[in-house]
Protein backbone atom coordinates (compact mmCIF):
# COMPACT_ATOMS: atom_id res chain seq x y z
CA MET A 1 81.29 80.33 119.91
CA ASN A 2 79.82 77.00 118.41
CA ALA A 3 82.16 74.39 118.72
CA SER A 4 81.14 72.41 115.47
CA ARG A 5 81.17 75.19 113.40
CA LYS A 6 84.47 74.92 111.27
CA LEU A 7 86.33 78.17 110.61
CA SER A 8 87.46 79.75 107.28
CA PHE A 9 90.43 81.97 106.07
CA ASP A 10 87.37 81.73 102.92
CA ASP A 11 85.11 83.25 105.68
CA LEU A 12 87.04 85.36 107.76
CA PRO A 13 87.99 89.38 107.74
CA ARG A 14 91.30 90.36 105.60
CA ASP A 15 92.34 92.99 103.65
CA CYS A 16 94.34 91.05 101.44
CA TRP A 17 91.90 88.58 99.01
CA ALA A 18 91.34 87.06 95.87
CA GLU A 19 88.37 87.09 93.75
CA ILE A 20 87.27 84.14 91.79
CA ASP A 21 85.17 85.04 88.85
CA ARG A 22 82.75 82.15 88.80
CA ALA A 23 81.15 82.68 86.21
CA GLN A 24 84.01 82.52 84.03
CA LEU A 25 85.14 79.69 85.04
CA ILE A 26 81.56 77.58 83.97
CA ARG A 27 82.63 79.63 80.94
CA ASN A 28 85.93 78.35 80.73
CA PHE A 29 85.05 74.90 80.93
CA ARG A 30 81.82 74.80 78.39
CA ILE A 31 84.17 76.43 75.86
CA LEU A 32 86.93 73.22 76.58
CA ARG A 33 85.10 70.43 77.02
CA ASP A 34 83.41 71.94 73.29
CA VAL A 35 86.50 72.08 71.76
CA ALA A 36 87.46 68.69 73.03
CA GLY A 37 84.29 67.22 72.12
CA THR A 38 84.51 64.08 74.83
CA PRO A 39 83.87 64.56 78.47
CA VAL A 40 85.74 66.43 80.97
CA LEU A 41 87.72 65.47 84.36
CA ALA A 42 88.11 68.90 86.29
CA VAL A 43 91.67 68.92 87.46
CA VAL A 44 91.07 70.89 91.03
CA LYS A 45 94.45 69.68 92.89
CA ALA A 46 96.00 72.44 94.57
CA ASN A 47 93.31 74.21 96.28
CA GLY A 48 92.20 74.36 92.45
CA TYR A 49 95.12 76.04 91.41
CA GLY A 50 95.07 78.58 93.94
CA HIS A 51 91.50 79.18 92.73
CA GLY A 52 89.82 77.92 96.09
CA LEU A 53 89.78 73.86 95.97
CA VAL A 54 85.85 73.24 96.96
CA HIS A 55 84.77 76.80 94.85
CA ALA A 56 86.48 75.27 92.08
CA ALA A 57 85.12 71.72 91.91
CA GLN A 58 81.20 73.27 92.54
CA ALA A 59 81.98 75.22 89.47
CA PHE A 60 83.24 72.85 87.10
CA LEU A 61 80.42 70.12 88.27
CA GLN A 62 78.22 73.17 87.62
CA ALA A 63 79.42 73.23 84.38
CA GLY A 64 79.20 69.83 83.34
CA ALA A 65 82.03 68.32 84.89
CA CYS A 66 81.64 64.21 84.56
CA TYR A 67 84.95 63.47 86.79
CA LEU A 68 87.03 65.86 89.43
CA GLY A 69 90.69 64.93 89.15
CA VAL A 70 93.16 65.56 93.23
CA ALA A 71 96.39 65.00 93.87
CA THR A 72 96.13 63.90 97.66
CA LEU A 73 94.14 61.52 99.35
CA SER A 74 93.32 64.57 101.89
CA GLU A 75 92.29 66.83 98.79
CA ALA A 76 89.66 63.74 97.82
CA MET A 77 88.52 63.90 101.46
CA ILE A 78 88.30 67.69 101.83
CA LEU A 79 85.77 67.56 98.87
CA ARG A 80 83.69 64.72 100.70
CA ASP A 81 83.77 66.49 103.60
CA ALA A 82 82.03 69.51 101.26
CA GLY A 83 79.06 67.44 100.19
CA ILE A 84 80.76 67.02 96.57
CA THR A 85 79.46 63.12 95.82
CA ALA A 86 80.91 62.93 92.20
CA PRO A 87 83.55 60.67 91.02
CA VAL A 88 86.75 61.95 91.94
CA LEU A 89 90.37 60.41 91.07
CA ILE A 90 93.37 61.31 92.69
CA ILE A 91 95.35 61.54 89.58
CA CYS A 92 99.07 60.78 91.66
CA GLY A 93 100.80 58.03 93.41
CA LEU A 94 99.73 56.48 96.61
CA LEU A 95 101.32 53.78 99.02
CA PRO A 96 98.59 51.09 99.77
CA HIS A 97 97.83 51.68 103.41
CA ASP A 98 96.31 55.52 101.79
CA MET A 99 94.35 53.54 98.55
CA ILE A 100 92.18 51.25 101.27
CA ALA A 101 92.12 54.40 102.97
CA ALA A 102 90.99 55.96 99.79
CA ALA A 103 88.89 52.76 99.09
CA ARG A 104 86.15 53.21 102.14
CA GLN A 105 85.90 56.31 101.21
CA GLY A 106 84.63 55.79 97.68
CA ILE A 107 87.32 57.58 95.72
CA GLU A 108 89.27 56.26 92.94
CA PHE A 109 93.41 56.33 92.23
CA PHE A 110 95.85 54.67 89.86
CA VAL A 111 97.22 51.34 90.61
CA TRP A 112 100.44 50.02 88.58
CA ARG A 113 102.70 48.02 90.57
CA LYS A 114 102.52 44.53 92.00
CA GLU A 115 101.95 45.38 95.91
CA HIS A 116 98.78 47.42 94.25
CA VAL A 117 97.50 44.69 93.62
CA ASP A 118 98.18 42.53 96.24
CA ALA A 119 96.72 45.19 98.69
CA LEU A 120 93.90 45.16 97.22
CA ARG A 121 93.05 41.52 97.06
CA GLN A 122 93.59 42.00 100.73
CA SER A 123 91.06 44.89 100.97
CA ALA A 124 88.54 44.38 98.57
CA ASP A 125 84.75 44.03 99.63
CA PRO A 126 82.41 42.87 96.82
CA VAL A 127 79.87 44.51 98.52
CA SER A 128 81.41 47.98 97.40
CA PRO A 129 83.86 47.42 94.33
CA THR A 130 86.76 50.08 95.03
CA ARG A 131 87.50 51.57 91.20
CA VAL A 132 91.02 51.91 89.82
CA HIS A 133 92.45 53.44 87.00
CA LEU A 134 95.64 51.51 85.05
CA LYS A 135 98.96 53.53 84.61
CA ILE A 136 100.85 53.09 82.27
CA ASN A 137 104.36 54.83 81.26
CA THR A 138 104.52 56.08 77.77
CA GLY A 139 107.29 58.26 78.31
CA MET A 140 106.71 60.71 81.72
CA GLY A 141 108.93 58.33 83.48
CA ARG A 142 107.24 59.86 87.04
CA LEU A 143 104.23 56.85 87.47
CA GLY A 144 102.58 53.30 85.54
CA CYS A 145 103.44 49.96 84.31
CA TRP A 146 105.73 49.37 81.28
CA PRO A 147 102.98 49.15 78.15
CA ASN A 148 103.66 45.31 78.13
CA GLU A 149 102.85 44.79 81.95
CA ALA A 150 99.64 46.16 81.42
CA ALA A 151 97.43 43.05 80.49
CA ALA A 152 99.31 40.57 83.14
CA ILE A 153 98.28 43.57 85.89
CA ALA A 154 94.68 43.89 84.12
CA ALA A 155 93.96 40.33 84.09
CA GLU A 156 94.75 40.45 87.60
CA LEU A 157 92.80 42.96 88.55
CA ARG A 158 89.88 41.27 86.93
CA ASP A 159 90.29 38.65 89.02
CA ILE A 160 90.08 40.09 92.61
CA LYS A 161 85.98 40.23 93.53
CA GLY A 162 84.84 43.52 95.25
CA VAL A 163 87.80 45.20 92.47
CA GLU A 164 86.32 47.13 89.19
CA LEU A 165 89.23 48.00 86.77
CA THR A 166 87.70 51.29 86.21
CA GLY A 167 90.02 53.29 83.67
CA LEU A 168 92.93 53.27 81.60
CA ALA A 169 95.14 56.25 81.42
CA THR A 170 98.72 57.51 80.31
CA HIS A 171 100.68 60.35 81.18
CA PHE A 172 101.45 63.15 78.54
CA ALA A 173 105.10 64.76 78.73
CA SER A 174 105.79 67.15 76.19
CA ALA A 175 102.42 67.54 74.78
CA TYR A 176 102.72 71.50 75.19
CA ASN A 177 105.14 71.13 72.13
CA PRO A 178 103.43 69.95 69.28
CA THR A 179 106.19 70.85 67.36
CA LEU A 180 108.00 67.42 69.25
CA PRO A 181 107.31 63.91 68.55
CA ASP A 182 107.04 63.01 72.07
CA THR A 183 103.23 63.07 72.30
CA ASN A 184 102.35 61.08 69.00
CA ARG A 185 105.05 58.72 70.44
CA GLN A 186 102.87 58.00 73.44
CA ILE A 187 99.47 58.08 71.98
CA GLU A 188 101.46 54.53 69.68
CA LEU A 189 102.42 53.62 73.35
CA PHE A 190 99.27 53.29 74.68
CA ASN A 191 97.24 51.85 71.55
CA GLN A 192 99.42 48.95 71.58
CA ALA A 193 98.79 48.45 75.40
CA ILE A 194 94.94 49.37 75.07
CA ALA A 195 95.32 46.21 72.02
CA SER A 196 97.45 43.68 74.99
CA LEU A 197 94.11 44.61 77.32
CA ALA A 198 92.14 43.41 74.39
CA ALA A 199 93.33 40.66 73.15
CA VAL A 200 92.36 39.33 76.64
CA GLY A 201 88.96 40.58 76.38
CA ILE A 202 89.24 43.46 78.77
CA ARG A 203 87.93 47.52 77.50
CA PRO A 204 87.94 49.18 80.76
CA LYS A 205 85.14 51.75 80.96
CA ILE A 206 87.28 55.18 81.00
CA ILE A 207 90.67 55.67 78.53
CA HIS A 208 91.97 58.79 78.77
CA ALA A 209 95.43 60.48 78.54
CA ALA A 210 95.58 63.94 77.05
CA ASN A 211 95.66 66.73 79.95
CA SER A 212 95.25 70.51 78.91
CA SER A 213 97.38 70.51 75.75
CA GLY A 214 96.44 67.65 74.78
CA ALA A 215 93.28 67.73 74.36
CA LEU A 216 93.38 71.27 72.92
CA CYS A 217 96.30 69.81 70.38
CA TYR A 218 95.97 65.59 69.57
CA PRO A 219 92.62 64.71 68.98
CA ASN A 220 94.15 60.74 68.06
CA GLY A 221 94.60 61.68 72.42
CA ARG A 222 91.02 62.24 73.41
CA TYR A 223 90.21 58.41 74.09
CA ASP A 224 86.97 58.66 76.40
CA MET A 225 87.71 61.49 78.73
CA VAL A 226 90.12 64.23 79.35
CA ARG A 227 91.46 65.79 81.68
CA ILE A 228 91.96 70.01 82.20
CA GLY A 229 93.46 71.78 84.31
CA ILE A 230 95.46 74.84 83.91
CA SER A 231 93.47 75.76 80.95
CA LEU A 232 90.43 75.81 83.08
CA TYR A 233 91.62 78.63 85.12
CA GLY A 234 92.15 80.46 81.64
CA VAL A 235 96.45 80.15 81.62
CA PRO A 236 97.17 79.19 78.03
CA GLY A 237 100.70 77.41 77.59
CA ASP A 238 103.62 78.99 75.71
CA MET A 239 103.03 77.41 72.72
CA ILE A 240 99.71 76.38 72.98
CA PRO A 241 96.57 80.04 72.37
CA LEU A 242 93.39 79.33 73.89
CA PRO A 243 90.18 79.13 72.45
CA ASP A 244 87.95 82.81 71.66
CA GLY A 245 86.15 83.08 75.50
CA VAL A 246 88.55 80.94 78.18
CA ALA A 247 90.03 83.43 80.39
CA THR A 248 91.48 83.96 83.65
CA ALA A 249 88.90 83.97 86.53
CA LEU A 250 91.54 85.48 89.53
CA THR A 251 91.53 88.41 90.94
CA TRP A 252 94.51 89.59 93.50
CA LYS A 253 93.74 92.55 95.16
CA ALA A 254 94.49 94.16 98.65
CA ARG A 255 93.70 97.51 100.59
CA MET A 256 96.11 100.39 101.58
CA ILE A 257 96.67 100.24 104.93
CA SER A 258 98.32 103.22 105.94
CA THR A 259 100.63 106.03 103.77
CA ASN A 260 103.18 107.96 104.94
CA ILE A 261 105.31 110.73 103.55
CA LEU A 262 108.97 109.79 104.16
CA PRO A 263 111.92 112.26 103.47
CA LYS A 264 114.74 112.41 101.27
CA GLY A 265 117.68 109.61 102.53
CA HIS A 266 114.70 107.51 103.89
CA GLY A 267 115.31 104.08 104.41
CA VAL A 268 112.33 101.79 102.86
CA SER A 269 111.80 98.14 104.61
CA TYR A 270 113.97 95.56 105.94
CA SER A 271 118.47 96.98 105.75
CA SER A 272 116.88 99.80 103.94
CA GLU A 273 117.81 98.65 100.88
CA TYR A 274 115.95 100.84 99.03
CA VAL A 275 116.70 104.58 99.83
CA MET A 276 113.73 107.70 98.96
CA PRO A 277 115.69 109.52 96.22
CA GLU A 278 113.22 112.21 97.59
CA GLU A 279 110.28 113.20 99.38
CA GLY A 280 107.36 111.23 98.82
CA ARG A 281 104.51 109.19 100.20
CA VAL A 282 105.33 105.33 100.21
CA GLY A 283 101.93 103.48 100.54
CA VAL A 284 101.64 100.01 102.95
CA LEU A 285 100.29 96.93 101.79
CA PRO A 286 98.61 94.14 104.58
CA VAL A 287 100.45 91.41 101.97
CA GLY A 288 103.93 89.45 101.98
CA TYR A 289 105.68 86.71 100.77
CA ALA A 290 103.78 84.38 103.39
CA ASP A 291 100.47 85.09 101.09
CA GLY A 292 102.81 84.05 97.96
CA PHE A 293 103.31 87.67 96.55
CA GLN A 294 106.95 86.61 95.94
CA ARG A 295 110.43 88.13 97.74
CA VAL A 296 111.99 88.15 94.28
CA PRO A 297 114.66 91.11 93.65
CA LYS A 298 114.18 95.16 94.32
CA ASN A 299 111.94 96.39 92.07
CA VAL A 300 110.76 93.64 90.11
CA ASN A 301 106.80 93.42 91.44
CA THR A 302 104.93 95.87 90.84
CA VAL A 303 100.84 96.75 91.46
CA LEU A 304 98.00 98.53 89.99
CA VAL A 305 96.86 101.68 92.21
CA GLU A 306 93.79 103.35 90.78
CA GLY A 307 94.67 102.10 87.30
CA GLN A 308 98.80 103.73 87.41
CA GLU A 309 101.14 101.00 87.81
CA ARG A 310 103.02 101.26 90.84
CA LYS A 311 106.70 99.56 92.34
CA VAL A 312 106.88 97.81 95.48
CA LEU A 313 110.14 99.36 97.25
CA GLY A 314 113.09 97.60 99.08
CA ARG A 315 112.39 94.39 100.37
CA MET A 316 108.85 92.36 100.32
CA CYS A 317 108.47 91.78 104.02
CA MET A 318 106.56 88.12 105.38
CA ASP A 319 102.96 89.85 105.95
CA GLN A 320 103.11 93.30 104.49
CA CYS A 321 105.00 95.28 101.26
CA LEU A 322 105.68 98.83 100.64
CA ILE A 323 104.68 100.80 97.40
CA ASP A 324 105.28 104.09 95.79
CA LEU A 325 102.75 106.89 95.56
CA GLY A 326 104.82 109.22 94.31
CA GLY A 327 101.89 111.92 93.50
CA PHE A 328 99.26 110.71 95.11
CA ASP A 329 97.12 112.83 98.47
CA ASP A 330 96.75 110.02 101.67
CA ILE A 331 94.28 107.30 99.78
CA THR A 332 94.49 104.85 103.09
CA GLY A 333 91.19 102.14 102.19
CA ALA A 334 92.28 102.44 98.23
CA GLU A 335 91.24 98.74 96.43
CA VAL A 336 95.43 98.40 94.63
CA VAL A 337 95.23 94.92 92.49
CA LEU A 338 98.40 92.69 92.46
CA ILE A 339 98.00 90.67 89.63
CA GLY A 340 94.08 90.94 87.15
CA LYS A 341 93.56 94.63 85.71
CA GLN A 342 92.36 97.59 87.11
CA GLY A 343 91.89 100.57 84.86
CA GLY A 344 93.27 100.32 81.80
CA LYS A 345 96.10 98.28 82.84
CA ASP A 346 96.75 94.62 83.26
CA LEU A 347 99.29 92.71 85.51
CA TYR A 348 98.42 89.59 83.51
CA VAL A 349 99.38 86.18 85.65
CA LYS A 350 101.68 84.82 82.50
CA ASP A 351 103.71 88.19 82.73
CA VAL A 352 103.92 88.49 86.61
CA ALA A 353 105.04 84.99 86.66
CA LYS A 354 108.25 85.55 84.11
CA ARG A 355 109.47 87.83 86.26
CA TRP A 356 109.27 85.66 89.05
CA GLY A 357 111.11 83.35 87.19
CA THR A 358 107.98 80.65 87.46
CA ASN A 359 105.00 80.18 85.28
CA ALA A 360 101.30 80.56 85.97
CA HIS A 361 101.01 77.83 87.69
CA ASP A 362 103.60 78.50 90.35
CA LEU A 363 101.87 81.58 91.02
CA TYR A 364 98.84 80.76 91.54
CA CYS A 365 99.40 77.66 93.45
CA GLY A 366 101.49 79.56 95.90
CA ILE A 367 98.69 81.91 96.86
CA SER A 368 98.64 81.20 100.77
CA PRO A 369 95.62 79.37 101.97
CA ARG A 370 95.05 82.27 104.82
CA VAL A 371 94.25 84.93 101.68
CA PRO A 372 90.68 84.30 101.36
CA ARG A 373 88.71 83.71 98.55
CA ARG A 374 85.62 85.36 97.39
CA VAL A 375 83.69 84.06 94.82
CA VAL A 376 82.16 87.05 92.53
């Protein structure tokens, strides 16, 4: 074997995989960009919301993304290693030593504290400027300086040779619920911060605030760029519908690796929590909770088999699960759908997530990296 070759789950065989519809991702991006009417930072954190970090990044760049957003330095480094040279912004916080490492690779990040400014002052390279975005807390309570501190921090950054204050940003906490007054209040506070920077002669190149819901519902919060995440993957908010044409792009599949006829009274899976009420056929799928097919209470999970919805029987195993195949012949090798459409049936990601007591973000992000992503 060539020692320099990099193995990837995506390139290796497995009878459980996620199909990624690249054309749908591109379509989603272009529709949402047209609705927002502004440049779009495509958020590809968390392995592209489960769709594959590099796969998603390449699709959105092809569609016209001006920036890519990631959560960690490691995600940004993987994009660079894949040959992606587009602007990348780390939208979560970094410690000062990681900021220095990011700057060396031309990766942009948020700053908001005195120690961030001090670290930049010591490490900045006038020949290769470090591009940073000043983060302001207007209501999320997570990262950012207070609005009334922004101008002073921006002025300090301006005075450091080798540092470019590229962006000014905040994050909406409640844009998914437009009945709440929170977002308009955040916009008001953010505008005050923008004005305070203008008063000392500073206007960053990119002012940005809106996430997916903000981009769709708050035109006054779009500024110079919007940061769109889950909507790019075709998942609407609970209260905000997506524009026509935006749809999910991931179908999770597996192949039946075995079927057995079990007699009445036979236990199924660990602890025999399910017992066969009568003789019947049971199938085995090579997918379990280690793949992200969650170990939820019995009789909750279902799959699509030849266009029919069938229950997962008994306890979910780490790497396998058992399926009710009553009425079927031996269909070993048949393609089964865990999330997505087959025939006239649809196991919609939000519906499955609701069964699991979570949301579509968690479900998609929870699909293990060992499940190959295959672009179609």
